[in-house]
Amino acid sequence: MGTRILIVDDHERVRIGFRLILDSQPDMHVVAEAGDGAEALRAVRKHRPDVVLADIRMPALDGLELTRRLTGPEVKGAVKVIIVTTFEIDEYAYIALRDGASGFLLKRSGPALLVEAVRSAMNGDTLISPQITVRLLEHFRRQHAGTDEPRETPLTERELEIARLVARGLSNTDIATELFISIGTVKTHVANIQRKVAATSRVGIAAWAWENGHIRRTG
């Protein structure tokens, strides 16, 4: 049956459009829809989806709170959440990704990116709309431009090298090419980095690297 997906949006037309896109993929299947966050929680318990696509502003329970309740290392039976929204607000993206979202897309990003986000989430990656990624990284650069000497790190030299590349916006494929290692090796390192610095996403790794001064070594 492939990846089981729950679509959460308070607009029926959006849900229908997403369902048509996703159900057309041979490895994806929409198991349920919900019109708000509270209904989504019930649907998750009933249908046990692999991935939840959720809007941000919804009645009863918004997408950010839904993300906190469904994902992250402390959540029992966590599922992957991808935020898909019209609101191009950096703070929303940061909060969602900090709290464990596996992606943050703008609804205008198009069908191909939606499908890619679901597959990325299932592969343990995080996909963010390019417009959002650039602004998030610029936010970290500005906020920590005056960071002092790098702080002590729990990472190995190789992990620190990969953390810096993640903070510069490189994908797993780009990092593998840059360091002449396999994508599988990159994924293992990224998972270890997230565990060691208590990050729930690639954005969390980027934030840690900038906040602790580890970008300046190569900047």
Protein backbone atom coordinates (compact mmCIF):
# COMPACT_ATOMS: atom_id res chain seq x y z
CA MET A 1 0.00 0.00 0.00
CA GLY A 2 2.98 2.33 0.46
CA THR A 3 3.18 5.43 2.63
CA ARG A 4 -0.03 6.08 4.58
CA ILE A 5 -0.94 9.79 4.63
CA LEU A 6 -3.38 11.93 6.62
CA ILE A 7 -4.29 15.34 5.14
CA VAL A 8 -5.27 18.06 7.63
CA ASP A 9 -6.65 21.35 6.28
CA ASP A 10 -9.81 23.34 6.98
CA HIS A 11 -10.41 23.88 3.26
CA GLU A 12 -12.01 20.95 1.47
CA ARG A 13 -10.66 22.01 -1.93
CA VAL A 14 -7.11 21.87 -0.62
CA ARG A 15 -7.66 18.39 0.81
CA ILE A 16 -9.14 17.18 -2.48
CA GLY A 17 -6.24 18.63 -4.46
CA PHE A 18 -3.62 17.05 -2.19
CA ARG A 19 -5.42 13.70 -2.29
CA LEU A 20 -5.46 13.66 -6.09
CA ILE A 21 -1.73 14.40 -6.21
CA LEU A 22 -0.71 11.87 -3.59
CA ASP A 23 -3.04 9.03 -4.53
CA SER A 24 -1.66 9.22 -8.07
CA GLN A 25 1.72 8.06 -6.74
CA PRO A 26 2.27 4.28 -6.73
CA ASP A 27 3.96 4.37 -3.31
CA MET A 28 1.48 6.65 -1.49
CA HIS A 29 -2.06 6.31 -0.19
CA VAL A 30 -4.24 8.89 1.59
CA VAL A 31 -5.94 7.01 4.43
CA ALA A 32 -7.95 9.92 5.89
CA GLU A 33 -8.66 13.65 5.91
CA ALA A 34 -9.36 16.04 8.78
CA GLY A 35 -10.66 19.60 8.89
CA ASP A 36 -8.88 20.71 12.08
CA GLY A 37 -6.18 19.65 14.51
CA ALA A 38 -8.50 18.03 17.06
CA GLU A 39 -10.09 15.88 14.36
CA ALA A 40 -6.57 15.07 13.14
CA LEU A 41 -5.57 13.64 16.53
CA ARG A 42 -8.56 11.31 16.42
CA ALA A 43 -7.73 10.31 12.84
CA VAL A 44 -4.13 9.53 13.79
CA ARG A 45 -5.28 7.20 16.56
CA LYS A 46 -7.73 5.47 14.24
CA HIS A 47 -5.75 5.21 10.99
CA ARG A 48 -2.09 5.24 12.15
CA PRO A 49 -0.69 7.21 9.19
CA ASP A 50 3.03 7.36 8.43
CA VAL A 51 2.91 11.04 7.45
CA VAL A 52 0.58 13.90 8.36
CA LEU A 53 0.27 16.92 6.05
CA ALA A 54 -1.04 19.83 8.10
CA ASP A 55 -1.94 23.48 7.57
CA ILE A 56 -1.01 25.98 10.31
CA ARG A 57 -4.10 28.08 10.97
CA MET A 58 -7.03 25.78 11.69
CA PRO A 59 -9.93 25.67 14.15
CA ALA A 60 -9.71 23.78 17.45
CA LEU A 61 -5.98 23.03 17.24
CA ASP A 62 -3.47 24.67 14.91
CA GLY A 63 -0.74 22.95 12.93
CA LEU A 64 2.07 24.04 15.24
CA GLU A 65 0.42 22.55 18.31
CA LEU A 66 -0.49 19.46 16.29
CA THR A 67 3.18 19.06 15.39
CA ARG A 68 4.21 19.24 19.05
CA ARG A 69 1.69 16.55 19.96
CA LEU A 70 2.48 14.15 17.12
CA THR A 71 6.23 14.18 16.62
CA GLY A 72 9.56 14.64 18.32
CA PRO A 73 11.78 12.33 20.38
CA GLU A 74 9.64 12.53 23.51
CA VAL A 75 6.37 11.55 21.80
CA LYS A 76 5.31 7.92 22.15
CA GLY A 77 4.23 6.53 18.77
CA ALA A 78 5.40 9.67 16.95
CA VAL A 79 4.46 10.20 13.31
CA LYS A 80 6.08 12.45 10.73
CA VAL A 81 4.47 15.86 10.18
CA ILE A 82 4.91 18.11 7.15
CA ILE A 83 3.53 21.63 7.41
CA VAL A 84 1.96 22.83 4.15
CA THR A 85 0.75 26.42 4.43
CA THR A 86 0.10 29.69 2.62
CA PHE A 87 1.74 31.65 5.44
CA GLU A 88 5.29 32.56 4.47
CA ILE A 89 6.26 33.49 8.03
CA ASP A 90 9.77 32.57 9.16
CA GLU A 91 8.81 32.25 12.83
CA TYR A 92 6.22 29.61 11.97
CA ALA A 93 8.82 27.62 10.05
CA TYR A 94 11.36 27.84 12.87
CA ILE A 95 8.85 26.74 15.53
CA ALA A 96 7.51 23.84 13.46
CA LEU A 97 10.96 22.52 12.56
CA ARG A 98 12.30 23.04 16.06
CA ASP A 99 9.43 20.96 17.41
CA GLY A 100 10.08 18.07 15.03
CA ALA A 101 8.31 18.72 11.74
CA SER A 102 9.78 16.76 8.83
CA GLY A 103 9.13 19.52 6.34
CA PHE A 104 7.76 23.02 5.80
CA LEU A 105 6.24 23.78 2.40
CA LEU A 106 4.34 26.66 0.89
CA LYS A 107 1.12 25.60 -0.85
CA ARG A 108 2.31 27.35 -4.00
CA SER A 109 5.40 25.12 -4.14
CA GLY A 110 3.66 22.72 -6.52
CA PRO A 111 2.83 18.99 -6.73
CA ALA A 112 6.37 17.75 -7.35
CA LEU A 113 7.74 19.29 -4.16
CA LEU A 114 4.79 17.95 -2.16
CA VAL A 115 5.51 14.41 -3.33
CA GLU A 116 9.23 14.87 -2.74
CA ALA A 117 8.58 16.11 0.81
CA VAL A 118 6.64 12.96 1.69
CA ARG A 119 9.39 10.73 0.31
CA SER A 120 12.06 12.78 2.09
CA ALA A 121 10.22 12.45 5.39
CA MET A 122 10.02 8.68 4.99
CA ASN A 123 13.78 8.64 4.29
CA GLY A 124 14.50 10.58 7.45
CA ASP A 125 15.25 13.87 5.68
CA THR A 126 13.68 17.31 6.06
CA LEU A 127 12.47 19.24 3.03
CA ILE A 128 11.81 22.97 3.28
CA SER A 129 10.56 25.30 0.55
CA PRO A 130 13.64 26.99 -0.92
CA GLN A 131 12.35 30.49 -0.12
CA ILE A 132 12.02 29.56 3.56
CA THR A 133 15.40 27.81 3.75
CA VAL A 134 17.30 30.84 2.51
CA ARG A 135 15.63 33.18 4.97
CA LEU A 136 16.08 30.83 7.93
CA LEU A 137 19.80 30.52 7.26
CA GLU A 138 20.09 34.29 6.86
CA HIS A 139 18.29 34.66 10.20
CA PHE A 140 20.88 32.46 11.90
CA ARG A 141 23.74 34.34 10.24
CA ARG A 142 22.45 37.73 11.36
CA GLN A 143 21.52 36.61 14.86
CA HIS A 144 24.88 35.01 15.56
CA ALA A 145 27.22 37.11 13.44
CA GLY A 146 29.11 38.22 16.55
CA THR A 147 29.42 34.79 18.15
CA ASP A 148 32.66 34.38 20.10
CA GLU A 149 35.10 31.48 19.79
CA PRO A 150 33.46 28.10 19.10
CA ARG A 151 32.18 26.37 22.20
CA GLU A 152 33.09 22.86 23.22
CA THR A 153 31.28 20.32 21.06
CA PRO A 154 30.08 16.75 21.63
CA LEU A 155 30.64 16.00 17.94
CA THR A 156 33.51 14.22 16.24
CA GLU A 157 35.50 16.15 13.64
CA ARG A 158 33.60 14.44 10.80
CA GLU A 159 30.23 15.14 12.45
CA LEU A 160 31.20 18.77 12.98
CA GLU A 161 32.21 19.03 9.34
CA ILE A 162 28.81 17.69 8.28
CA ALA A 163 26.98 19.95 10.76
CA ARG A 164 28.66 22.97 9.15
CA LEU A 165 27.56 21.85 5.69
CA VAL A 166 24.00 21.30 6.92
CA ALA A 167 24.07 24.82 8.38
CA ARG A 168 25.09 26.17 4.98
CA GLY A 169 21.99 24.60 3.40
CA LEU A 170 23.51 21.56 1.67
CA SER A 171 21.33 18.47 1.15
CA ASN A 172 22.46 14.94 2.01
CA THR A 173 23.29 14.38 -1.66
CA ASP A 174 25.35 17.59 -1.81
CA ILE A 175 27.22 16.64 1.36
CA ALA A 176 27.95 13.14 0.04
CA THR A 177 29.40 14.67 -3.12
CA GLU A 178 31.38 17.29 -1.22
CA LEU A 179 32.97 14.76 1.18
CA PHE A 180 33.20 11.78 -1.20
CA ILE A 181 31.11 9.52 1.05
CA SER A 182 27.86 7.64 0.53
CA ILE A 183 24.42 9.15 1.18
CA GLY A 184 23.82 6.37 3.71
CA THR A 185 26.91 7.46 5.64
CA VAL A 186 25.72 11.07 5.58
CA LYS A 187 22.30 10.04 6.94
CA THR A 188 23.95 8.10 9.76
CA HIS A 189 26.11 11.09 10.70
CA VAL A 190 23.13 13.48 10.55
CA ALA A 191 21.11 11.19 12.83
CA ASN A 192 24.01 11.03 15.30
CA ILE A 193 24.42 14.81 15.20
CA GLN A 194 20.71 15.35 15.91
CA ARG A 195 20.91 12.99 18.88
CA LYS A 196 24.05 14.59 20.32
CA VAL A 197 22.88 18.22 20.04
CA ALA A 198 19.21 17.45 20.83
CA ALA A 199 17.99 18.69 17.44
CA THR A 200 14.81 17.38 15.85
CA SER A 201 15.57 18.55 12.31
CA ARG A 202 18.26 19.87 9.98
CA VAL A 203 17.21 23.38 10.93
CA GLY A 204 17.91 22.46 14.55
CA ILE A 205 21.42 21.37 13.52
CA ALA A 206 21.91 24.66 11.67
CA ALA A 207 20.72 26.65 14.68
CA TRP A 208 23.09 24.75 16.98
CA ALA A 209 26.06 25.32 14.63
CA TRP A 210 25.44 29.06 14.35
CA GLU A 211 24.62 29.54 18.04
CA ASN A 212 27.82 27.76 19.13
CA GLY A 213 30.15 29.55 16.73
CA HIS A 214 31.10 26.56 14.61
CA ILE A 215 30.48 28.25 11.28
CA ARG A 216 33.14 30.93 11.78
CA ARG A 217 35.93 28.38 11.61
CA THR A 218 35.37 28.06 7.87
CA GLY A 219 33.79 31.47 7.24
